[in-house]
PDB file of all heavy atoms in Angstrom:
ATOM      1  N   ASP A   1       0.870  -1.246   0.026  1.00  0.00           N
ATOM      2  CA  ASP A   1      -0.010   0.043  -0.118  1.00  0.00           C
ATOM      3  C   ASP A   1       0.837   1.259  -0.003  1.00  0.00           C
ATOM      4  O   ASP A   1       0.575   2.270  -0.692  1.00  0.00           O
ATOM      5  CB  ASP A   1      -0.887   0.070   1.250  1.00  0.00           C
ATOM      6  CG  ASP A   1      -1.951  -1.157   1.049  1.00  0.00           C
ATOM      7  OD1 ASP A   1      -2.258  -1.718  -0.006  1.00  0.00           O
ATOM      8  OD2 ASP A   1      -2.525  -1.497   2.226  1.00  0.00           O
ATOM      9  N   TRP A   2       1.967   1.269   0.774  1.00  0.00           N
ATOM     10  CA  TRP A   2       2.790   2.424   0.817  1.00  0.00           C
ATOM     11  C   TRP A   2       3.496   2.584  -0.487  1.00  0.00           C
ATOM     12  O   TRP A   2       3.709   3.704  -0.988  1.00  0.00           O
ATOM     13  CB  TRP A   2       3.790   2.270   1.910  1.00  0.00           C
ATOM     14  CG  TRP A   2       3.398   2.642   3.386  1.00  0.00           C
ATOM     15  CD1 TRP A   2       2.411   3.459   3.613  1.00  0.00           C
ATOM     16  CD2 TRP A   2       3.807   2.086   4.547  1.00  0.00           C
ATOM     17  NE1 TRP A   2       2.244   3.535   4.996  1.00  0.00           N
ATOM     18  CE2 TRP A   2       3.143   2.655   5.629  1.00  0.00           C
ATOM     19  CE3 TRP A   2       4.761   1.023   4.904  1.00  0.00           C
ATOM     20  CZ2 TRP A   2       3.222   2.354   6.936  1.00  0.00           C
ATOM     21  CZ3 TRP A   2       4.963   0.774   6.138  1.00  0.00           C
ATOM     22  CH2 TRP A   2       4.175   1.412   7.237  1.00  0.00           C
ATOM     23  N   LEU A   3       3.919   1.450  -1.146  1.00  0.00           N
ATOM     24  CA  LEU A   3       4.635   1.594  -2.259  1.00  0.00           C
ATOM     25  C   LEU A   3       3.677   2.077  -3.477  1.00  0.00           C
ATOM     26  O   LEU A   3       4.049   2.742  -4.399  1.00  0.00           O
ATOM     27  CB  LEU A   3       5.111   0.152  -2.725  1.00  0.00           C
ATOM     28  CG  LEU A   3       6.327  -0.319  -1.930  1.00  0.00           C
ATOM     29  CD1 LEU A   3       6.491  -1.813  -2.125  1.00  0.00           C
ATOM     30  CD2 LEU A   3       7.644   0.354  -2.360  1.00  0.00           C
ATOM     31  N   ALA A   4       2.424   1.643  -3.377  1.00  0.00           N
ATOM     32  CA  ALA A   4       1.391   2.012  -4.380  1.00  0.00           C
ATOM     33  C   ALA A   4       1.017   3.622  -4.391  1.00  0.00           C
ATOM     34  O   ALA A   4       0.875   4.138  -5.406  1.00  0.00           O
ATOM     35  CB  ALA A   4       0.176   1.286  -4.179  1.00  0.00           C
ATOM     36  N   ASN A   5       1.059   4.084  -3.078  1.00  0.00           N
ATOM     37  CA  ASN A   5       0.768   5.613  -3.054  1.00  0.00           C
ATOM     38  C   ASN A   5       1.989   6.390  -3.015  1.00  0.00           C
ATOM     39  O   ASN A   5       1.858   7.713  -2.958  1.00  0.00           O
ATOM     40  CB  ASN A   5      -0.143   5.851  -1.944  1.00  0.00           C
ATOM     41  CG  ASN A   5       0.550   5.645  -0.497  1.00  0.00           C
ATOM     42  OD1 ASN A   5       1.735   5.627  -0.410  1.00  0.00           O
ATOM     43  ND2 ASN A   5      -0.244   5.288   0.509  1.00  0.00           N
ATOM     44  N   GLY A   6       3.198   5.855  -3.260  1.00  0.00           N
ATOM     45  CA  GLY A   6       4.432   6.632  -3.331  1.00  0.00           C
ATOM     46  C   GLY A   6       5.000   7.033  -1.995  1.00  0.00           C
ATOM     47  O   GLY A   6       5.991   7.737  -1.914  1.00  0.00           O
ATOM     48  N   ALA A   7       4.511   6.540  -0.924  1.00  0.00           N
ATOM     49  CA  ALA A   7       4.904   6.986   0.420  1.00  0.00           C
ATOM     50  C   ALA A   7       6.258   6.239   0.758  1.00  0.00           C
ATOM     51  O   ALA A   7       7.078   6.680   1.609  1.00  0.00           O
ATOM     52  CB  ALA A   7       3.934   6.633   1.471  1.00  0.00           C
ATOM     53  N   LEU A   8       6.422   5.093   0.084  1.00  0.00           N
ATOM     54  CA  LEU A   8       7.648   4.261   0.338  1.00  0.00           C
ATOM     55  C   LEU A   8       8.280   4.034  -1.082  1.00  0.00           C
ATOM     56  O   LEU A   8       7.530   3.633  -2.071  1.00  0.00           O
ATOM     57  CB  LEU A   8       7.242   2.969   0.851  1.00  0.00           C
ATOM     58  CG  LEU A   8       8.524   1.984   1.207  1.00  0.00           C
ATOM     59  CD1 LEU A   8       9.368   2.522   2.350  1.00  0.00           C
ATOM     60  CD2 LEU A   8       7.905   0.622   1.730  1.00  0.00           C
ATOM     61  N   ARG A   9       9.582   4.185  -1.222  1.00  0.00           N
ATOM     62  CA  ARG A   9      10.276   3.881  -2.534  1.00  0.00           C
ATOM     63  C   ARG A   9      11.338   2.977  -2.283  1.00  0.00           C
ATOM     64  O   ARG A   9      11.885   2.795  -1.168  1.00  0.00           O
ATOM     65  CB  ARG A   9      10.617   5.064  -3.186  1.00  0.00           C
ATOM     66  CG  ARG A   9      11.784   5.938  -2.627  1.00  0.00           C
ATOM     67  CD  ARG A   9      11.804   7.318  -3.371  1.00  0.00           C
ATOM     68  NE  ARG A   9      12.934   8.114  -2.843  1.00  0.00           N
ATOM     69  CZ  ARG A   9      14.212   8.130  -3.224  1.00  0.00           C
ATOM     70  NH1 ARG A   9      14.594   7.320  -4.166  1.00  0.00           N
ATOM     71  NH2 ARG A   9      15.011   8.992  -2.777  1.00  0.00           N
ATOM     72  N   VAL A  10      11.760   2.298  -3.350  1.00  0.00           N
ATOM     73  CA  VAL A  10      12.864   1.317  -3.209  1.00  0.00           C
ATOM     74  C   VAL A  10      14.317   1.991  -3.795  1.00  0.00           C
ATOM     75  O   VAL A  10      14.155   2.685  -4.890  1.00  0.00           O
ATOM     76  CB  VAL A  10      12.560   0.093  -4.224  1.00  0.00           C
ATOM     77  CG1 VAL A  10      13.750  -0.966  -4.217  1.00  0.00           C
ATOM     78  CG2 VAL A  10      11.231  -0.524  -3.675  1.00  0.00           C
ATOM     79  N   VAL A  11      15.233   1.850  -3.081  1.00  0.00           N
ATOM     80  CA  VAL A  11      16.666   2.247  -3.620  1.00  0.00           C
ATOM     81  C   VAL A  11      17.453   1.083  -4.144  1.00  0.00           C
ATOM     82  O   VAL A  11      17.581   0.097  -3.372  1.00  0.00           O
ATOM     83  CB  VAL A  11      17.470   2.906  -2.515  1.00  0.00           C
ATOM     84  CG1 VAL A  11      18.827   3.341  -2.897  1.00  0.00           C
ATOM     85  CG2 VAL A  11      16.602   4.010  -1.854  1.00  0.00           C
ATOM     86  N   VAL A  12      17.666   1.172  -5.472  1.00  0.00           N
ATOM     87  CA  VAL A  12      18.340   0.006  -6.170  1.00  0.00           C
ATOM     88  C   VAL A  12      19.813   0.513  -6.408  1.00  0.00           C
ATOM     89  O   VAL A  12      19.952   1.560  -7.107  1.00  0.00           O
ATOM     90  CB  VAL A  12      17.584  -0.353  -7.280  1.00  0.00           C
ATOM     91  CG1 VAL A  12      18.532  -1.371  -8.150  1.00  0.00           C
ATOM     92  CG2 VAL A  12      16.270  -1.062  -7.101  1.00  0.00           C
ATOM     93  N   ASP A  13      20.768  -0.228  -6.049  1.00  0.00           N
ATOM     94  CA  ASP A  13      22.208   0.072  -6.158  1.00  0.00           C
ATOM     95  C   ASP A  13      22.580  -0.343  -7.641  1.00  0.00           C
ATOM     96  O   ASP A  13      23.196   0.405  -8.294  1.00  0.00           O
ATOM     97  CB  ASP A  13      22.978  -0.671  -5.304  1.00  0.00           C
ATOM     98  CG  ASP A  13      24.489  -0.275  -5.258  1.00  0.00           C
ATOM     99  OD1 ASP A  13      24.920   0.808  -4.764  1.00  0.00           O
ATOM    100  OD2 ASP A  13      25.226  -1.007  -5.924  1.00  0.00           O
ATOM    101  N   GLU A  14      22.414  -1.678  -7.933  1.00  0.00           N
ATOM    102  CA  GLU A  14      22.768  -2.214  -9.310  1.00  0.00           C
ATOM    103  C   GLU A  14      21.898  -3.421  -9.553  1.00  0.00           C
ATOM    104  O   GLU A  14      21.382  -3.988  -8.775  1.00  0.00           O
ATOM    105  CB  GLU A  14      24.340  -2.546  -9.174  1.00  0.00           C
ATOM    106  CG  GLU A  14      24.839  -2.811 -10.631  1.00  0.00           C
ATOM    107  CD  GLU A  14      26.417  -2.780 -10.605  1.00  0.00           C
ATOM    108  OE1 GLU A  14      26.962  -2.355  -9.625  1.00  0.00           O
ATOM    109  OE2 GLU A  14      26.954  -3.062 -11.695  1.00  0.00           O
ATOM    110  N   VAL A  15      21.888  -3.563 -10.943  1.00  0.00           N
ATOM    111  CA  VAL A  15      21.006  -4.724 -11.422  1.00  0.00           C
ATOM    112  C   VAL A  15      21.826  -5.769 -12.203  1.00  0.00           C
ATOM    113  O   VAL A  15      22.602  -5.274 -13.040  1.00  0.00           O
ATOM    114  CB  VAL A  15      19.835  -4.214 -12.236  1.00  0.00           C
ATOM    115  CG1 VAL A  15      19.042  -5.400 -12.811  1.00  0.00           C
ATOM    116  CG2 VAL A  15      18.928  -3.215 -11.595  1.00  0.00           C
ATOM    117  N   TYR A  16      21.656  -6.928 -11.832  1.00  0.00           N
ATOM    118  CA  TYR A  16      22.554  -8.035 -12.468  1.00  0.00           C
ATOM    119  C   TYR A  16      21.585  -9.027 -13.036  1.00  0.00           C
ATOM    120  O   TYR A  16      20.588  -9.457 -12.556  1.00  0.00           O
ATOM    121  CB  TYR A  16      23.526  -8.759 -11.527  1.00  0.00           C
ATOM    122  CG  TYR A  16      24.533  -7.907 -10.910  1.00  0.00           C
ATOM    123  CD1 TYR A  16      24.315  -7.110  -9.805  1.00  0.00           C
ATOM    124  CD2 TYR A  16      25.895  -8.049 -11.387  1.00  0.00           C
ATOM    125  CE1 TYR A  16      25.364  -6.371  -9.145  1.00  0.00           C
ATOM    126  CE2 TYR A  16      26.928  -7.315 -10.865  1.00  0.00           C
ATOM    127  CZ  TYR A  16      26.628  -6.463  -9.689  1.00  0.00           C
ATOM    128  OH  TYR A  16      27.655  -5.869  -9.225  1.00  0.00           O
ATOM    129  N   PRO A  17      22.045  -9.597 -14.261  1.00  0.00           N
ATOM    130  CA  PRO A  17      21.331 -10.712 -14.868  1.00  0.00           C
ATOM    131  C   PRO A  17      21.608 -11.988 -14.024  1.00  0.00           C
ATOM    132  O   PRO A  17      22.639 -12.063 -13.423  1.00  0.00           O
ATOM    133  CB  PRO A  17      21.626 -10.840 -16.253  1.00  0.00           C
ATOM    134  CG  PRO A  17      23.043 -10.214 -16.223  1.00  0.00           C
ATOM    135  CD  PRO A  17      23.047  -9.100 -15.246  1.00  0.00           C
ATOM    136  N   VAL A  18      20.791 -12.874 -13.970  1.00  0.00           N
ATOM    137  CA  VAL A  18      21.043 -14.195 -13.132  1.00  0.00           C
ATOM    138  C   VAL A  18      22.301 -14.903 -13.670  1.00  0.00           C
ATOM    139  O   VAL A  18      22.938 -15.495 -12.693  1.00  0.00           O
ATOM    140  CB  VAL A  18      19.783 -15.040 -13.249  1.00  0.00           C
ATOM    141  CG1 VAL A  18      19.689 -15.791 -14.543  1.00  0.00           C
ATOM    142  CG2 VAL A  18      19.789 -16.069 -12.063  1.00  0.00           C
ATOM    143  N   ASP A  19      22.708 -14.741 -14.832  1.00  0.00           N
ATOM    144  CA  ASP A  19      24.059 -15.333 -15.238  1.00  0.00           C
ATOM    145  C   ASP A  19      25.126 -14.774 -14.514  1.00  0.00           C
ATOM    146  O   ASP A  19      26.179 -15.392 -14.551  1.00  0.00           O
ATOM    147  CB  ASP A  19      24.109 -15.220 -16.805  1.00  0.00           C
ATOM    148  CG  ASP A  19      23.140 -16.010 -17.523  1.00  0.00           C
ATOM    149  OD1 ASP A  19      22.629 -17.045 -17.120  1.00  0.00           O
ATOM    150  OD2 ASP A  19      22.737 -15.541 -18.639  1.00  0.00           O
ATOM    151  N   ARG A  20      25.067 -13.573 -14.067  1.00  0.00           N
ATOM    152  CA  ARG A  20      26.040 -12.933 -13.157  1.00  0.00           C
ATOM    153  C   ARG A  20      25.845 -12.990 -11.801  1.00  0.00           C
ATOM    154  O   ARG A  20      26.186 -12.143 -11.012  1.00  0.00           O
ATOM    155  CB  ARG A  20      26.353 -11.526 -13.668  1.00  0.00           C
ATOM    156  CG  ARG A  20      26.855 -11.387 -15.255  1.00  0.00           C
ATOM    157  CD  ARG A  20      26.779 -10.032 -15.656  1.00  0.00           C
ATOM    158  NE  ARG A  20      27.580  -9.137 -14.837  1.00  0.00           N
ATOM    159  CZ  ARG A  20      27.441  -7.790 -14.739  1.00  0.00           C
ATOM    160  NH1 ARG A  20      26.585  -7.149 -15.540  1.00  0.00           N
ATOM    161  NH2 ARG A  20      28.301  -7.062 -13.991  1.00  0.00           N
ATOM    162  N   ILE A  21      25.193 -13.965 -11.291  1.00  0.00           N
ATOM    163  CA  ILE A  21      24.789 -14.054  -9.758  1.00  0.00           C
ATOM    164  C   ILE A  21      25.898 -14.143  -8.938  1.00  0.00           C
ATOM    165  O   ILE A  21      25.803 -13.459  -7.850  1.00  0.00           O
ATOM    166  CB  ILE A  21      23.916 -15.427  -9.592  1.00  0.00           C
ATOM    167  CG1 ILE A  21      23.220 -15.423  -8.189  1.00  0.00           C
ATOM    168  CG2 ILE A  21      24.609 -16.663  -9.925  1.00  0.00           C
ATOM    169  CD1 ILE A  21      22.293 -14.384  -7.976  1.00  0.00           C
ATOM    170  N   ALA A  22      27.077 -14.630  -9.214  1.00  0.00           N
ATOM    171  CA  ALA A  22      28.223 -14.695  -8.443  1.00  0.00           C
ATOM    172  C   ALA A  22      28.601 -13.169  -8.098  1.00  0.00           C
ATOM    173  O   ALA A  22      28.951 -12.830  -7.053  1.00  0.00           O
ATOM    174  CB  ALA A  22      29.324 -15.506  -8.968  1.00  0.00           C
ATOM    175  N   GLU A  23      28.659 -12.497  -9.123  1.00  0.00           N
ATOM    176  CA  GLU A  23      29.071 -11.035  -9.070  1.00  0.00           C
ATOM    177  C   GLU A  23      28.096 -10.269  -8.159  1.00  0.00           C
ATOM    178  O   GLU A  23      28.435  -9.390  -7.433  1.00  0.00           O
ATOM    179  CB  GLU A  23      29.186 -10.324 -10.433  1.00  0.00           C
ATOM    180  CG  GLU A  23      30.220 -10.892 -11.265  1.00  0.00           C
ATOM    181  CD  GLU A  23      30.159 -10.141 -12.669  1.00  0.00           C
ATOM    182  OE1 GLU A  23      30.235  -8.912 -12.683  1.00  0.00           O
ATOM    183  OE2 GLU A  23      29.840 -10.957 -13.623  1.00  0.00           O
ATOM    184  N   ALA A  24      26.820 -10.484  -8.342  1.00  0.00           N
ATOM    185  CA  ALA A  24      25.717  -9.841  -7.581  1.00  0.00           C
ATOM    186  C   ALA A  24      25.929 -10.240  -6.080  1.00  0.00           C
ATOM    187  O   ALA A  24      25.912  -9.307  -5.300  1.00  0.00           O
ATOM    188  CB  ALA A  24      24.317 -10.211  -8.019  1.00  0.00           C
ATOM    189  N   VAL A  25      26.132 -11.390  -5.765  1.00  0.00           N
ATOM    190  CA  VAL A  25      26.234 -11.843  -4.300  1.00  0.00           C
ATOM    191  C   VAL A  25      27.537 -11.261  -3.769  1.00  0.00           C
ATOM    192  O   VAL A  25      27.542 -10.653  -2.653  1.00  0.00           O
ATOM    193  CB  VAL A  25      26.261 -13.406  -4.230  1.00  0.00           C
ATOM    194  CG1 VAL A  25      26.689 -13.739  -2.847  1.00  0.00           C
ATOM    195  CG2 VAL A  25      24.980 -14.038  -4.636  1.00  0.00           C
ATOM    196  N   ALA A  26      28.650 -11.160  -4.533  1.00  0.00           N
ATOM    197  CA  ALA A  26      29.855 -10.639  -3.947  1.00  0.00           C
ATOM    198  C   ALA A  26      29.695  -9.115  -3.738  1.00  0.00           C
ATOM    199  O   ALA A  26      30.231  -8.690  -2.750  1.00  0.00           O
ATOM    200  CB  ALA A  26      30.913 -10.846  -5.084  1.00  0.00           C
ATOM    201  N   HIS A  27      28.922  -8.501  -4.620  1.00  0.00           N
ATOM    202  CA  HIS A  27      28.748  -7.067  -4.465  1.00  0.00           C
ATOM    203  C   HIS A  27      27.966  -6.800  -3.219  1.00  0.00           C
ATOM    204  O   HIS A  27      28.291  -5.888  -2.450  1.00  0.00           O
ATOM    205  CB  HIS A  27      27.942  -6.490  -5.612  1.00  0.00           C
ATOM    206  CG  HIS A  27      27.709  -4.953  -5.659  1.00  0.00           C
ATOM    207  ND1 HIS A  27      28.683  -4.175  -5.319  1.00  0.00           N
ATOM    208  CD2 HIS A  27      26.580  -4.326  -5.991  1.00  0.00           C
ATOM    209  CE1 HIS A  27      28.215  -2.850  -5.398  1.00  0.00           C
ATOM    210  NE2 HIS A  27      26.956  -3.066  -5.812  1.00  0.00           N
TER     211      HIS A  27
END
């Protein structure tokens, strides 16, 4: 509900494809 009305937002540092999962976990 908070996300829907804009009261809460997500902070994303970086996006990895699943083929690079080891890099994502290390990060």
